[in-house]
Amino acid sequence: MANREDAEYSRRTKNASPYLDTEQAALYLKISTRLLKRLRRRGDGPVFRMHSRYIQYHIDELDAWSEANSRREIER
């Protein structure tokens, strides 16, 4: 997982651009990049965009995905 400097960079980037790369998006969601990539492959992750050959996540889409996956309790 990334260090504290990376988390700070992610916060500063949010103010500069609404688009985050995979590592920045994972930091924003507080999950590993490995999990985010796995969710993307399965089609269960946040909506992403391809800008040229680069995968980008819009912060609003990350927030919407997080909100859609919020729970009050764990299902059994």
Protein backbone atom coordinates (compact mmCIF):
# COMPACT_ATOMS: atom_id res chain seq x y z
CA MET A 1 0.00 0.00 0.00
CA ALA A 2 1.14 3.52 -0.59
CA ASN A 3 2.69 5.72 2.05
CA ARG A 4 1.51 8.95 3.66
CA GLU A 5 3.13 11.14 0.98
CA ASP A 6 1.12 9.34 -1.70
CA ALA A 7 -2.09 9.94 0.24
CA GLU A 8 -1.27 13.64 0.48
CA TYR A 9 -0.55 13.74 -3.25
CA SER A 10 -3.93 12.14 -3.89
CA ARG A 11 -5.69 14.79 -1.81
CA ARG A 12 -3.86 17.61 -3.63
CA THR A 13 -4.64 16.03 -7.00
CA LYS A 14 -8.35 16.08 -6.20
CA ASN A 15 -8.19 19.88 -6.12
CA ALA A 16 -6.25 20.06 -9.40
CA SER A 17 -8.06 17.47 -11.56
CA PRO A 18 -11.19 15.37 -11.09
CA TYR A 19 -9.44 12.40 -12.74
CA LEU A 20 -7.31 9.95 -10.79
CA ASP A 21 -5.19 7.06 -12.02
CA THR A 22 -5.60 3.59 -10.53
CA GLU A 23 -3.14 4.16 -7.69
CA GLN A 24 -4.63 7.52 -6.75
CA ALA A 25 -8.18 6.13 -6.95
CA ALA A 26 -7.23 3.24 -4.66
CA LEU A 27 -5.76 5.70 -2.16
CA TYR A 28 -8.91 7.81 -2.38
CA LEU A 29 -11.09 4.76 -1.65
CA LYS A 30 -8.63 3.43 0.95
CA ILE A 31 -8.32 0.07 -0.80
CA SER A 32 -5.34 -1.61 -2.45
CA THR A 33 -4.58 -1.08 -6.12
CA ARG A 34 -4.70 -4.85 -6.49
CA LEU A 35 -8.30 -4.96 -5.24
CA LEU A 36 -9.31 -2.04 -7.45
CA LYS A 37 -7.84 -3.78 -10.51
CA ARG A 38 -9.61 -7.02 -9.60
CA LEU A 39 -12.93 -5.19 -9.19
CA ARG A 40 -12.40 -3.52 -12.57
CA ARG A 41 -11.74 -6.85 -14.32
CA ARG A 42 -14.88 -8.38 -12.76
CA GLY A 43 -17.00 -5.35 -13.64
CA ASP A 44 -17.81 -4.73 -9.95
CA GLY A 45 -15.70 -1.62 -9.45
CA PRO A 46 -16.29 2.05 -10.04
CA VAL A 47 -16.89 3.38 -13.54
CA PHE A 48 -13.62 4.23 -15.27
CA ARG A 49 -12.57 5.94 -18.47
CA MET A 50 -9.85 5.20 -20.98
CA HIS A 51 -7.98 8.37 -21.89
CA SER A 52 -5.77 7.15 -24.69
CA ARG A 53 -4.28 4.01 -23.11
CA TYR A 54 -4.60 5.28 -19.55
CA ILE A 55 -7.32 4.23 -17.13
CA GLN A 56 -8.76 7.19 -15.25
CA TYR A 57 -11.40 7.40 -12.53
CA HIS A 58 -13.50 10.51 -12.04
CA ILE A 59 -13.87 11.44 -8.38
CA ASP A 60 -17.66 11.75 -8.71
CA GLU A 61 -17.81 8.16 -10.01
CA LEU A 62 -15.67 6.95 -7.10
CA ASP A 63 -18.00 8.68 -4.65
CA ALA A 64 -21.09 7.25 -6.41
CA TRP A 65 -19.64 3.72 -6.34
CA SER A 66 -18.75 4.06 -2.67
CA GLU A 67 -22.24 5.34 -1.85
CA ALA A 68 -23.88 2.50 -3.80
CA ASN A 69 -21.82 -0.01 -1.80
CA SER A 70 -22.52 1.41 1.64
CA ARG A 71 -24.26 -0.86 4.14
CA ARG A 72 -25.72 -0.63 7.63
CA GLU A 73 -24.94 -4.24 8.45
CA ILE A 74 -23.21 -7.27 7.02
CA GLU A 75 -25.47 -9.64 5.12
CA ARG A 76 -25.29 -13.30 6.11
